[in-house]
Full PDB file with SEQRES, HELIX, SHEET, SSBOND, CRYST1, ORIGX, SCALE, CONECT and MASTER records, all heavy atoms in Angstrom:
SEQRES   1 A   40  MET SER PHE VAL CYS PRO GLU LEU ASP VAL THR TYR ASP          
SEQRES   2 A   40  GLU VAL TYR THR GLU LEU ALA GLN ALA LEU GLU LEU THR          
SEQRES   3 A   40  PHE GLU GLU ALA SER LYS ARG PHE SER PRO ASP ASP ALA          
SEQRES   4 A   40  VAL                                                          
HELIX    1 AA1 TYR A   12  ALA A   22  1                                  11    
HELIX    2 AA2 PHE A   27  ARG A   33  1                                   7    
HELIX    3 AA3 PRO A   36  ALA A   39  1                                   4    
CRYST1    1.000    1.000    1.000  90.00  90.00  90.00 P 1           1          
ORIGX1      1.000000  0.000000  0.000000        0.00000                         
ORIGX2      0.000000  1.000000  0.000000        0.00000                         
ORIGX3      0.000000  0.000000  1.000000        0.00000                         
SCALE1      1.000000  0.000000  0.000000        0.00000                         
SCALE2      0.000000  1.000000  0.000000        0.00000                         
SCALE3      0.000000  0.000000  1.000000        0.00000                         
ATOM      1  N   MET A   1       0.804  -1.224   0.022  1.00  0.00           N  
ATOM      2  CA  MET A   1       0.007   0.006   0.016  1.00  0.00           C  
ATOM      3  C   MET A   1       0.851   1.255  -0.048  1.00  0.00           C  
ATOM      4  O   MET A   1       0.398   2.301  -0.471  1.00  0.00           O  
ATOM      5  CB  MET A   1      -0.976   0.040   1.228  1.00  0.00           C  
ATOM      6  CG  MET A   1      -1.997  -1.070   1.146  1.00  0.00           C  
ATOM      7  SD  MET A   1      -2.968  -0.887  -0.347  1.00  0.00           S  
ATOM      8  CE  MET A   1      -4.154  -2.189  -0.143  1.00  0.00           C  
ATOM      9  N   SER A   2       2.041   1.197   0.524  1.00  0.00           N  
ATOM     10  CA  SER A   2       2.895   2.405   0.547  1.00  0.00           C  
ATOM     11  C   SER A   2       3.743   2.595  -0.707  1.00  0.00           C  
ATOM     12  O   SER A   2       4.334   3.622  -0.936  1.00  0.00           O  
ATOM     13  CB  SER A   2       3.846   2.364   1.797  1.00  0.00           C  
ATOM     14  OG  SER A   2       4.744   1.291   1.651  1.00  0.00           O  
ATOM     15  N   PHE A   3       3.759   1.540  -1.606  1.00  0.00           N  
ATOM     16  CA  PHE A   3       4.435   1.662  -2.851  1.00  0.00           C  
ATOM     17  C   PHE A   3       3.738   2.609  -3.787  1.00  0.00           C  
ATOM     18  O   PHE A   3       2.540   2.715  -3.822  1.00  0.00           O  
ATOM     19  CB  PHE A   3       4.645   0.327  -3.533  1.00  0.00           C  
ATOM     20  CG  PHE A   3       5.514  -0.675  -2.880  1.00  0.00           C  
ATOM     21  CD1 PHE A   3       5.513  -1.973  -3.146  1.00  0.00           C  
ATOM     22  CD2 PHE A   3       6.351  -0.298  -1.840  1.00  0.00           C  
ATOM     23  CE1 PHE A   3       6.339  -2.902  -2.504  1.00  0.00           C  
ATOM     24  CE2 PHE A   3       7.199  -1.129  -1.168  1.00  0.00           C  
ATOM     25  CZ  PHE A   3       7.157  -2.462  -1.494  1.00  0.00           C  
ATOM     26  N   VAL A   4       4.496   3.319  -4.619  1.00  0.00           N  
ATOM     27  CA  VAL A   4       3.925   4.209  -5.611  1.00  0.00           C  
ATOM     28  C   VAL A   4       3.634   3.394  -6.900  1.00  0.00           C  
ATOM     29  O   VAL A   4       4.478   2.718  -7.437  1.00  0.00           O  
ATOM     30  CB  VAL A   4       4.823   5.353  -5.916  1.00  0.00           C  
ATOM     31  CG1 VAL A   4       4.340   6.182  -7.069  1.00  0.00           C  
ATOM     32  CG2 VAL A   4       5.052   6.220  -4.695  1.00  0.00           C  
ATOM     33  N   CYS A   5       2.368   3.554  -7.362  1.00  0.00           N  
ATOM     34  CA  CYS A   5       1.980   2.949  -8.616  1.00  0.00           C  
ATOM     35  C   CYS A   5       2.582   3.786  -9.748  1.00  0.00           C  
ATOM     36  O   CYS A   5       2.248   4.945  -9.898  1.00  0.00           O  
ATOM     37  CB  CYS A   5       0.488   2.906  -8.774  1.00  0.00           C  
ATOM     38  SG  CYS A   5      -0.121   2.513 -10.379  1.00  0.00           S  
ATOM     39  N   PRO A   6       3.525   3.250 -10.583  1.00  0.00           N  
ATOM     40  CA  PRO A   6       4.135   4.094 -11.601  1.00  0.00           C  
ATOM     41  C   PRO A   6       3.199   4.625 -12.680  1.00  0.00           C  
ATOM     42  O   PRO A   6       3.475   5.658 -13.234  1.00  0.00           O  
ATOM     43  CB  PRO A   6       5.190   3.106 -12.205  1.00  0.00           C  
ATOM     44  CG  PRO A   6       4.803   1.760 -11.798  1.00  0.00           C  
ATOM     45  CD  PRO A   6       3.960   1.897 -10.594  1.00  0.00           C  
ATOM     46  N   GLU A   7       2.167   3.879 -12.946  1.00  0.00           N  
ATOM     47  CA  GLU A   7       1.210   4.353 -14.023  1.00  0.00           C  
ATOM     48  C   GLU A   7       0.409   5.582 -13.586  1.00  0.00           C  
ATOM     49  O   GLU A   7       0.092   6.436 -14.461  1.00  0.00           O  
ATOM     50  CB  GLU A   7       0.214   3.254 -14.311  1.00  0.00           C  
ATOM     51  CG  GLU A   7       0.849   2.077 -15.099  1.00  0.00           C  
ATOM     52  CD  GLU A   7      -0.190   1.050 -15.449  1.00  0.00           C  
ATOM     53  OE1 GLU A   7      -1.082   1.384 -16.228  1.00  0.00           O  
ATOM     54  OE2 GLU A   7      -0.095  -0.132 -14.920  1.00  0.00           O  
ATOM     55  N   LEU A   8       0.090   5.668 -12.295  1.00  0.00           N  
ATOM     56  CA  LEU A   8      -0.755   6.819 -11.890  1.00  0.00           C  
ATOM     57  C   LEU A   8      -0.021   7.744 -10.959  1.00  0.00           C  
ATOM     58  O   LEU A   8      -0.505   8.845 -10.611  1.00  0.00           O  
ATOM     59  CB  LEU A   8      -1.980   6.211 -11.090  1.00  0.00           C  
ATOM     60  CG  LEU A   8      -2.892   5.323 -11.890  1.00  0.00           C  
ATOM     61  CD1 LEU A   8      -3.947   4.695 -11.025  1.00  0.00           C  
ATOM     62  CD2 LEU A   8      -3.496   6.083 -13.076  1.00  0.00           C  
ATOM     63  N   ASP A   9       1.226   7.443 -10.577  1.00  0.00           N  
ATOM     64  CA  ASP A   9       2.040   8.288  -9.715  1.00  0.00           C  
ATOM     65  C   ASP A   9       1.326   8.639  -8.393  1.00  0.00           C  
ATOM     66  O   ASP A   9       1.448   9.703  -7.871  1.00  0.00           O  
ATOM     67  CB  ASP A   9       2.443   9.577 -10.445  1.00  0.00           C  
ATOM     68  CG  ASP A   9       3.690  10.178  -9.796  1.00  0.00           C  
ATOM     69  OD1 ASP A   9       4.553   9.498  -9.275  1.00  0.00           O  
ATOM     70  OD2 ASP A   9       3.832  11.477  -9.844  1.00  0.00           O  
ATOM     71  N   VAL A  10       0.670   7.597  -7.816  1.00  0.00           N  
ATOM     72  CA  VAL A  10       0.093   7.709  -6.486  1.00  0.00           C  
ATOM     73  C   VAL A  10       0.363   6.364  -5.769  1.00  0.00           C  
ATOM     74  O   VAL A  10       0.704   5.368  -6.460  1.00  0.00           O  
ATOM     75  CB  VAL A  10      -1.432   7.969  -6.514  1.00  0.00           C  
ATOM     76  CG1 VAL A  10      -1.724   9.310  -7.134  1.00  0.00           C  
ATOM     77  CG2 VAL A  10      -2.177   6.910  -7.243  1.00  0.00           C  
ATOM     78  N   THR A  11       0.213   6.319  -4.458  1.00  0.00           N  
ATOM     79  CA  THR A  11       0.486   5.040  -3.837  1.00  0.00           C  
ATOM     80  C   THR A  11      -0.742   4.085  -4.019  1.00  0.00           C  
ATOM     81  O   THR A  11      -1.826   4.543  -4.411  1.00  0.00           O  
ATOM     82  CB  THR A  11       0.584   5.298  -2.264  1.00  0.00           C  
ATOM     83  OG1 THR A  11      -0.669   5.805  -1.758  1.00  0.00           O  
ATOM     84  CG2 THR A  11       1.698   6.212  -1.960  1.00  0.00           C  
ATOM     85  N   TYR A  12      -0.525   2.896  -3.791  1.00  0.00           N  
ATOM     86  CA  TYR A  12      -1.561   1.910  -3.956  1.00  0.00           C  
ATOM     87  C   TYR A  12      -2.695   2.124  -2.932  1.00  0.00           C  
ATOM     88  O   TYR A  12      -3.858   1.869  -3.207  1.00  0.00           O  
ATOM     89  CB  TYR A  12      -1.043   0.442  -3.836  1.00  0.00           C  
ATOM     90  CG  TYR A  12      -0.398   0.018  -5.185  1.00  0.00           C  
ATOM     91  CD1 TYR A  12       0.948   0.085  -5.317  1.00  0.00           C  
ATOM     92  CD2 TYR A  12      -1.191  -0.420  -6.237  1.00  0.00           C  
ATOM     93  CE1 TYR A  12       1.540  -0.305  -6.496  1.00  0.00           C  
ATOM     94  CE2 TYR A  12      -0.613  -0.723  -7.423  1.00  0.00           C  
ATOM     95  CZ  TYR A  12       0.755  -0.737  -7.596  1.00  0.00           C  
ATOM     96  OH  TYR A  12       1.317  -1.068  -8.777  1.00  0.00           O  
ATOM     97  N   ASP A  13      -2.301   2.672  -1.798  1.00  0.00           N  
ATOM     98  CA  ASP A  13      -3.331   3.019  -0.796  1.00  0.00           C  
ATOM     99  C   ASP A  13      -4.291   4.082  -1.445  1.00  0.00           C  
ATOM    100  O   ASP A  13      -5.516   3.981  -1.277  1.00  0.00           O  
ATOM    101  CB  ASP A  13      -2.645   3.631   0.455  1.00  0.00           C  
ATOM    102  CG  ASP A  13      -3.613   3.956   1.542  1.00  0.00           C  
ATOM    103  OD1 ASP A  13      -4.265   3.030   2.077  1.00  0.00           O  
ATOM    104  OD2 ASP A  13      -3.781   5.177   1.814  1.00  0.00           O  
ATOM    105  N   GLU A  14      -3.785   5.069  -2.139  1.00  0.00           N  
ATOM    106  CA  GLU A  14      -4.589   6.027  -2.842  1.00  0.00           C  
ATOM    107  C   GLU A  14      -5.422   5.447  -3.951  1.00  0.00           C  
ATOM    108  O   GLU A  14      -6.547   5.863  -4.098  1.00  0.00           O  
ATOM    109  CB  GLU A  14      -3.724   7.216  -3.237  1.00  0.00           C  
ATOM    110  CG  GLU A  14      -3.088   8.053  -2.169  1.00  0.00           C  
ATOM    111  CD  GLU A  14      -2.035   9.015  -2.646  1.00  0.00           C  
ATOM    112  OE1 GLU A  14      -1.184   8.619  -3.484  1.00  0.00           O  
ATOM    113  OE2 GLU A  14      -2.077  10.152  -2.187  1.00  0.00           O  
ATOM    114  N   VAL A  15      -4.842   4.500  -4.630  1.00  0.00           N  
ATOM    115  CA  VAL A  15      -5.535   3.780  -5.678  1.00  0.00           C  
ATOM    116  C   VAL A  15      -6.798   3.124  -5.138  1.00  0.00           C  
ATOM    117  O   VAL A  15      -7.892   3.310  -5.643  1.00  0.00           O  
ATOM    118  CB  VAL A  15      -4.654   2.803  -6.426  1.00  0.00           C  
ATOM    119  CG1 VAL A  15      -5.445   1.874  -7.307  1.00  0.00           C  
ATOM    120  CG2 VAL A  15      -3.514   3.458  -7.217  1.00  0.00           C  
ATOM    121  N   TYR A  16      -6.559   2.339  -4.091  1.00  0.00           N  
ATOM    122  CA  TYR A  16      -7.682   1.625  -3.478  1.00  0.00           C  
ATOM    123  C   TYR A  16      -8.704   2.554  -2.857  1.00  0.00           C  
ATOM    124  O   TYR A  16      -9.913   2.272  -2.896  1.00  0.00           O  
ATOM    125  CB  TYR A  16      -7.225   0.584  -2.481  1.00  0.00           C  
ATOM    126  CG  TYR A  16      -6.717  -0.690  -3.119  1.00  0.00           C  
ATOM    127  CD1 TYR A  16      -5.336  -0.990  -3.151  1.00  0.00           C  
ATOM    128  CD2 TYR A  16      -7.628  -1.564  -3.719  1.00  0.00           C  
ATOM    129  CE1 TYR A  16      -4.859  -2.127  -3.772  1.00  0.00           C  
ATOM    130  CE2 TYR A  16      -7.117  -2.801  -4.348  1.00  0.00           C  
ATOM    131  CZ  TYR A  16      -5.835  -3.040  -4.386  1.00  0.00           C  
ATOM    132  OH  TYR A  16      -5.346  -4.165  -4.963  1.00  0.00           O  
ATOM    133  N   THR A  17      -8.266   3.633  -2.252  1.00  0.00           N  
ATOM    134  CA  THR A  17      -9.143   4.605  -1.597  1.00  0.00           C  
ATOM    135  C   THR A  17     -10.109   5.239  -2.686  1.00  0.00           C  
ATOM    136  O   THR A  17     -11.284   5.266  -2.529  1.00  0.00           O  
ATOM    137  CB  THR A  17      -8.424   5.703  -0.913  1.00  0.00           C  
ATOM    138  OG1 THR A  17      -7.605   5.102   0.143  1.00  0.00           O  
ATOM    139  CG2 THR A  17      -9.314   6.727  -0.281  1.00  0.00           C  
ATOM    140  N   GLU A  18      -9.528   5.710  -3.810  1.00  0.00           N  
ATOM    141  CA  GLU A  18     -10.275   6.308  -4.857  1.00  0.00           C  
ATOM    142  C   GLU A  18     -11.209   5.327  -5.496  1.00  0.00           C  
ATOM    143  O   GLU A  18     -12.352   5.711  -5.846  1.00  0.00           O  
ATOM    144  CB  GLU A  18      -9.330   6.972  -5.875  1.00  0.00           C  
ATOM    145  CG  GLU A  18     -10.106   7.799  -6.927  1.00  0.00           C  
ATOM    146  CD  GLU A  18      -9.136   8.501  -7.913  1.00  0.00           C  
ATOM    147  OE1 GLU A  18      -7.999   8.737  -7.603  1.00  0.00           O  
ATOM    148  OE2 GLU A  18      -9.686   8.843  -9.017  1.00  0.00           O  
ATOM    149  N   LEU A  19     -10.714   4.126  -5.751  1.00  0.00           N  
ATOM    150  CA  LEU A  19     -11.540   3.093  -6.365  1.00  0.00           C  
ATOM    151  C   LEU A  19     -12.648   2.712  -5.456  1.00  0.00           C  
ATOM    152  O   LEU A  19     -13.796   2.523  -5.984  1.00  0.00           O  
ATOM    153  CB  LEU A  19     -10.674   1.847  -6.698  1.00  0.00           C  
ATOM    154  CG  LEU A  19     -11.355   0.699  -7.454  1.00  0.00           C  
ATOM    155  CD1 LEU A  19     -11.875   1.151  -8.793  1.00  0.00           C  
ATOM    156  CD2 LEU A  19     -10.429  -0.450  -7.539  1.00  0.00           C  
ATOM    157  N   ALA A  20     -12.463   2.630  -4.220  1.00  0.00           N  
ATOM    158  CA  ALA A  20     -13.498   2.320  -3.284  1.00  0.00           C  
ATOM    159  C   ALA A  20     -14.609   3.335  -3.290  1.00  0.00           C  
ATOM    160  O   ALA A  20     -15.813   3.055  -3.316  1.00  0.00           O  
ATOM    161  CB  ALA A  20     -12.959   2.136  -1.867  1.00  0.00           C  
ATOM    162  N   GLN A  21     -14.220   4.621  -3.306  1.00  0.00           N  
ATOM    163  CA  GLN A  21     -15.161   5.714  -3.374  1.00  0.00           C  
ATOM    164  C   GLN A  21     -15.952   5.636  -4.626  1.00  0.00           C  
ATOM    165  O   GLN A  21     -17.217   5.850  -4.701  1.00  0.00           O  
ATOM    166  CB  GLN A  21     -14.485   7.060  -3.222  1.00  0.00           C  
ATOM    167  CG  GLN A  21     -13.962   7.338  -1.853  1.00  0.00           C  
ATOM    168  CD  GLN A  21     -13.094   8.577  -1.797  1.00  0.00           C  
ATOM    169  OE1 GLN A  21     -12.728   9.136  -2.836  1.00  0.00           O  
ATOM    170  NE2 GLN A  21     -12.765   9.018  -0.646  1.00  0.00           N  
ATOM    171  N   ALA A  22     -15.265   5.428  -5.791  1.00  0.00           N  
ATOM    172  CA  ALA A  22     -15.922   5.381  -7.100  1.00  0.00           C  
ATOM    173  C   ALA A  22     -16.962   4.281  -7.151  1.00  0.00           C  
ATOM    174  O   ALA A  22     -18.030   4.421  -7.794  1.00  0.00           O  
ATOM    175  CB  ALA A  22     -14.933   5.254  -8.203  1.00  0.00           C  
ATOM    176  N   LEU A  23     -16.640   3.104  -6.553  1.00  0.00           N  
ATOM    177  CA  LEU A  23     -17.521   1.934  -6.666  1.00  0.00           C  
ATOM    178  C   LEU A  23     -18.442   1.818  -5.446  1.00  0.00           C  
ATOM    179  O   LEU A  23     -19.169   0.803  -5.353  1.00  0.00           O  
ATOM    180  CB  LEU A  23     -16.699   0.724  -6.811  1.00  0.00           C  
ATOM    181  CG  LEU A  23     -15.774   0.600  -8.044  1.00  0.00           C  
ATOM    182  CD1 LEU A  23     -14.919  -0.657  -8.036  1.00  0.00           C  
ATOM    183  CD2 LEU A  23     -16.630   0.708  -9.328  1.00  0.00           C  
ATOM    184  N   GLU A  24     -18.371   2.786  -4.579  1.00  0.00           N  
ATOM    185  CA  GLU A  24     -19.209   2.803  -3.404  1.00  0.00           C  
ATOM    186  C   GLU A  24     -18.972   1.544  -2.555  1.00  0.00           C  
ATOM    187  O   GLU A  24     -19.900   0.863  -2.122  1.00  0.00           O  
ATOM    188  CB  GLU A  24     -20.659   2.977  -3.714  1.00  0.00           C  
ATOM    189  CG  GLU A  24     -20.954   4.318  -4.357  1.00  0.00           C  
ATOM    190  CD  GLU A  24     -22.396   4.569  -4.790  1.00  0.00           C  
ATOM    191  OE1 GLU A  24     -23.205   3.645  -4.599  1.00  0.00           O  
ATOM    192  OE2 GLU A  24     -22.708   5.655  -5.192  1.00  0.00           O  
ATOM    193  N   LEU A  25     -17.695   1.215  -2.346  1.00  0.00           N  
ATOM    194  CA  LEU A  25     -17.276   0.098  -1.480  1.00  0.00           C  
ATOM    195  C   LEU A  25     -16.466   0.627  -0.370  1.00  0.00           C  
ATOM    196  O   LEU A  25     -16.000   1.753  -0.364  1.00  0.00           O  
ATOM    197  CB  LEU A  25     -16.372  -0.855  -2.291  1.00  0.00           C  
ATOM    198  CG  LEU A  25     -16.912  -1.523  -3.562  1.00  0.00           C  
ATOM    199  CD1 LEU A  25     -15.818  -2.244  -4.267  1.00  0.00           C  
ATOM    200  CD2 LEU A  25     -18.003  -2.485  -3.181  1.00  0.00           C  
ATOM    201  N   THR A  26     -16.177  -0.200   0.643  1.00  0.00           N  
ATOM    202  CA  THR A  26     -15.246   0.178   1.674  1.00  0.00           C  
ATOM    203  C   THR A  26     -13.800  -0.098   1.092  1.00  0.00           C  
ATOM    204  O   THR A  26     -13.654  -0.853   0.156  1.00  0.00           O  
ATOM    205  CB  THR A  26     -15.451  -0.636   2.983  1.00  0.00           C  
ATOM    206  OG1 THR A  26     -15.164  -2.016   2.722  1.00  0.00           O  
ATOM    207  CG2 THR A  26     -16.850  -0.452   3.509  1.00  0.00           C  
ATOM    208  N   PHE A  27     -12.828   0.461   1.791  1.00  0.00           N  
ATOM    209  CA  PHE A  27     -11.456   0.233   1.362  1.00  0.00           C  
ATOM    210  C   PHE A  27     -11.118  -1.248   1.397  1.00  0.00           C  
ATOM    211  O   PHE A  27     -10.442  -1.779   0.543  1.00  0.00           O  
ATOM    212  CB  PHE A  27     -10.532   1.047   2.237  1.00  0.00           C  
ATOM    213  CG  PHE A  27      -9.063   0.842   2.007  1.00  0.00           C  
ATOM    214  CD1 PHE A  27      -8.399   1.689   1.074  1.00  0.00           C  
ATOM    215  CD2 PHE A  27      -8.333  -0.142   2.582  1.00  0.00           C  
ATOM    216  CE1 PHE A  27      -7.065   1.553   0.786  1.00  0.00           C  
ATOM    217  CE2 PHE A  27      -7.007  -0.319   2.338  1.00  0.00           C  
ATOM    218  CZ  PHE A  27      -6.349   0.557   1.426  1.00  0.00           C  
ATOM    219  N   GLU A  28     -11.568  -1.879   2.519  1.00  0.00           N  
ATOM    220  CA  GLU A  28     -11.296  -3.284   2.705  1.00  0.00           C  
ATOM    221  C   GLU A  28     -11.936  -4.152   1.597  1.00  0.00           C  
ATOM    222  O   GLU A  28     -11.273  -5.081   1.088  1.00  0.00           O  
ATOM    223  CB  GLU A  28     -11.796  -3.773   4.091  1.00  0.00           C  
ATOM    224  CG  GLU A  28     -11.014  -3.186   5.211  1.00  0.00           C  
ATOM    225  CD  GLU A  28     -11.371  -1.744   5.576  1.00  0.00           C  
ATOM    226  OE1 GLU A  28     -12.481  -1.249   5.174  1.00  0.00           O  
ATOM    227  OE2 GLU A  28     -10.509  -1.103   6.148  1.00  0.00           O  
ATOM    228  N   GLU A  29     -13.139  -3.835   1.231  1.00  0.00           N  
ATOM    229  CA  GLU A  29     -13.817  -4.577   0.121  1.00  0.00           C  
ATOM    230  C   GLU A  29     -13.058  -4.425  -1.187  1.00  0.00           C  
ATOM    231  O   GLU A  29     -12.864  -5.409  -1.897  1.00  0.00           O  
ATOM    232  CB  GLU A  29     -15.263  -4.129   0.000  1.00  0.00           C  
ATOM    233  CG  GLU A  29     -16.224  -4.481   1.076  1.00  0.00           C  
ATOM    234  CD  GLU A  29     -17.547  -3.859   0.993  1.00  0.00           C  
ATOM    235  OE1 GLU A  29     -17.621  -2.672   0.442  1.00  0.00           O  
ATOM    236  OE2 GLU A  29     -18.550  -4.483   1.429  1.00  0.00           O  
ATOM    237  N   ALA A  30     -12.674  -3.216  -1.493  1.00  0.00           N  
ATOM    238  CA  ALA A  30     -11.900  -2.970  -2.704  1.00  0.00           C  
ATOM    239  C   ALA A  30     -10.604  -3.695  -2.749  1.00  0.00           C  
ATOM    240  O   ALA A  30     -10.218  -4.244  -3.762  1.00  0.00           O  
ATOM    241  CB  ALA A  30     -11.774  -1.487  -2.937  1.00  0.00           C  
ATOM    242  N   SER A  31      -9.883  -3.683  -1.621  1.00  0.00           N  
ATOM    243  CA  SER A  31      -8.580  -4.270  -1.604  1.00  0.00           C  
ATOM    244  C   SER A  31      -8.668  -5.806  -1.608  1.00  0.00           C  
ATOM    245  O   SER A  31      -7.758  -6.463  -2.165  1.00  0.00           O  
ATOM    246  CB  SER A  31      -7.775  -3.841  -0.368  1.00  0.00           C  
ATOM    247  OG  SER A  31      -8.431  -4.176   0.843  1.00  0.00           O  
ATOM    248  N   LYS A  32      -9.752  -6.370  -1.171  1.00  0.00           N  
ATOM    249  CA  LYS A  32      -9.952  -7.817  -1.258  1.00  0.00           C  
ATOM    250  C   LYS A  32     -10.431  -8.237  -2.593  1.00  0.00           C  
ATOM    251  O   LYS A  32     -10.099  -9.288  -3.117  1.00  0.00           O  
ATOM    252  CB  LYS A  32     -10.945  -8.265  -0.175  1.00  0.00           C  
ATOM    253  CG  LYS A  32     -10.397  -8.261   1.229  1.00  0.00           C  
ATOM    254  CD  LYS A  32     -11.397  -8.729   2.216  1.00  0.00           C  
ATOM    255  CE  LYS A  32     -10.893  -8.588   3.681  1.00  0.00           C  
ATOM    256  NZ  LYS A  32     -11.866  -9.008   4.629  1.00  0.00           N  
ATOM    257  N   ARG A  33     -11.284  -7.412  -3.202  1.00  0.00           N  
ATOM    258  CA  ARG A  33     -11.928  -7.766  -4.483  1.00  0.00           C  
ATOM    259  C   ARG A  33     -10.979  -7.665  -5.709  1.00  0.00           C  
ATOM    260  O   ARG A  33     -11.082  -8.424  -6.642  1.00  0.00           O  
ATOM    261  CB  ARG A  33     -13.147  -6.898  -4.668  1.00  0.00           C  
ATOM    262  CG  ARG A  33     -13.926  -7.324  -5.995  1.00  0.00           C  
ATOM    263  CD  ARG A  33     -15.169  -6.479  -6.141  1.00  0.00           C  
ATOM    264  NE  ARG A  33     -16.112  -6.630  -5.112  1.00  0.00           N  
ATOM    265  CZ  ARG A  33     -17.268  -6.007  -5.090  1.00  0.00           C  
ATOM    266  NH1 ARG A  33     -17.612  -5.184  -6.054  1.00  0.00           N  
ATOM    267  NH2 ARG A  33     -18.114  -6.197  -4.067  1.00  0.00           N  
ATOM    268  N   PHE A  34     -10.074  -6.676  -5.652  1.00  0.00           N  
ATOM    269  CA  PHE A  34      -9.228  -6.401  -6.806  1.00  0.00           C  
ATOM    270  C   PHE A  34      -7.769  -6.551  -6.525  1.00  0.00           C  
ATOM    271  O   PHE A  34      -7.260  -6.052  -5.491  1.00  0.00           O  
ATOM    272  CB  PHE A  34      -9.497  -4.986  -7.294  1.00  0.00           C  
ATOM    273  CG  PHE A  34     -10.883  -4.683  -7.638  1.00  0.00           C  
ATOM    274  CD1 PHE A  34     -11.667  -3.876  -6.821  1.00  0.00           C  
ATOM    275  CD2 PHE A  34     -11.495  -5.254  -8.728  1.00  0.00           C  
ATOM    276  CE1 PHE A  34     -12.984  -3.524  -7.125  1.00  0.00           C  
ATOM    277  CE2 PHE A  34     -12.846  -4.967  -9.065  1.00  0.00           C  
ATOM    278  CZ  PHE A  34     -13.591  -4.096  -8.225  1.00  0.00           C  
ATOM    279  N   SER A  35      -7.039  -7.205  -7.394  1.00  0.00           N  
ATOM    280  CA  SER A  35      -5.579  -7.318  -7.261  1.00  0.00           C  
ATOM    281  C   SER A  35      -5.049  -5.937  -7.621  1.00  0.00           C  
ATOM    282  O   SER A  35      -5.760  -5.077  -8.189  1.00  0.00           O  
ATOM    283  CB  SER A  35      -5.052  -8.292  -8.302  1.00  0.00           C  
ATOM    284  OG  SER A  35      -5.240  -7.854  -9.619  1.00  0.00           O  
ATOM    285  N   PRO A  36      -3.779  -5.627  -7.236  1.00  0.00           N  
ATOM    286  CA  PRO A  36      -3.252  -4.298  -7.514  1.00  0.00           C  
ATOM    287  C   PRO A  36      -3.309  -3.954  -9.006  1.00  0.00           C  
ATOM    288  O   PRO A  36      -3.688  -2.794  -9.332  1.00  0.00           O  
ATOM    289  CB  PRO A  36      -1.842  -4.401  -7.001  1.00  0.00           C  
ATOM    290  CG  PRO A  36      -1.898  -5.427  -5.920  1.00  0.00           C  
ATOM    291  CD  PRO A  36      -2.908  -6.429  -6.372  1.00  0.00           C  
ATOM    292  N   ASP A  37      -2.976  -4.807  -9.876  1.00  0.00           N  
ATOM    293  CA  ASP A  37      -3.009  -4.537 -11.346  1.00  0.00           C  
ATOM    294  C   ASP A  37      -4.403  -4.296 -11.780  1.00  0.00           C  
ATOM    295  O   ASP A  37      -4.690  -3.368 -12.604  1.00  0.00           O  
ATOM    296  CB  ASP A  37      -2.402  -5.631 -12.156  1.00  0.00           C  
ATOM    297  CG  ASP A  37      -0.886  -5.721 -11.984  1.00  0.00           C  
ATOM    298  OD1 ASP A  37      -0.313  -4.719 -11.595  1.00  0.00           O  
ATOM    299  OD2 ASP A  37      -0.317  -6.835 -12.349  1.00  0.00           O  
ATOM    300  N   ASP A  38      -5.320  -5.058 -11.275  1.00  0.00           N  
ATOM    301  CA  ASP A  38      -6.787  -4.883 -11.697  1.00  0.00           C  
ATOM    302  C   ASP A  38      -7.303  -3.604 -11.087  1.00  0.00           C  
ATOM    303  O   ASP A  38      -8.101  -2.885 -11.705  1.00  0.00           O  
ATOM    304  CB  ASP A  38      -7.583  -6.084 -11.169  1.00  0.00           C  
ATOM    305  CG  ASP A  38      -8.989  -6.144 -11.831  1.00  0.00           C  
ATOM    306  OD1 ASP A  38      -9.115  -5.623 -12.973  1.00  0.00           O  
ATOM    307  OD2 ASP A  38      -9.929  -6.712 -11.205  1.00  0.00           O  
ATOM    308  N   ALA A  39      -6.934  -3.275  -9.888  1.00  0.00           N  
ATOM    309  CA  ALA A  39      -7.377  -2.033  -9.259  1.00  0.00           C  
ATOM    310  C   ALA A  39      -6.932  -0.792 -10.065  1.00  0.00           C  
ATOM    311  O   ALA A  39      -7.640   0.136 -10.306  1.00  0.00           O  
ATOM    312  CB  ALA A  39      -6.854  -1.922  -7.842  1.00  0.00           C  
ATOM    313  N   VAL A  40      -5.640  -0.835 -10.542  1.00  0.00           N  
ATOM    314  CA  VAL A  40      -5.107   0.231 -11.355  1.00  0.00           C  
ATOM    315  C   VAL A  40      -5.902   0.386 -12.655  1.00  0.00           C  
ATOM    316  O   VAL A  40      -6.295   1.405 -13.024  1.00  0.00           O  
ATOM    317  CB  VAL A  40      -3.569   0.049 -11.606  1.00  0.00           C  
ATOM    318  CG1 VAL A  40      -3.112   1.051 -12.664  1.00  0.00           C  
ATOM    319  CG2 VAL A  40      -2.784   0.247 -10.331  1.00  0.00           C  
TER     320      VAL A  40                                                      
MASTER        0    0    0    3    0    0    0    6  319    1    0    4          
END                                                                             
């Protein structure tokens, strides 16, 4: 989660946070449902 995603230049924590908000999920649900590559 603290690593920076090179494609989006944000941390994976930020990727999962934004994705969770967009899909109306909790952070935990998003991180369990999607692999890092799929989340990006």
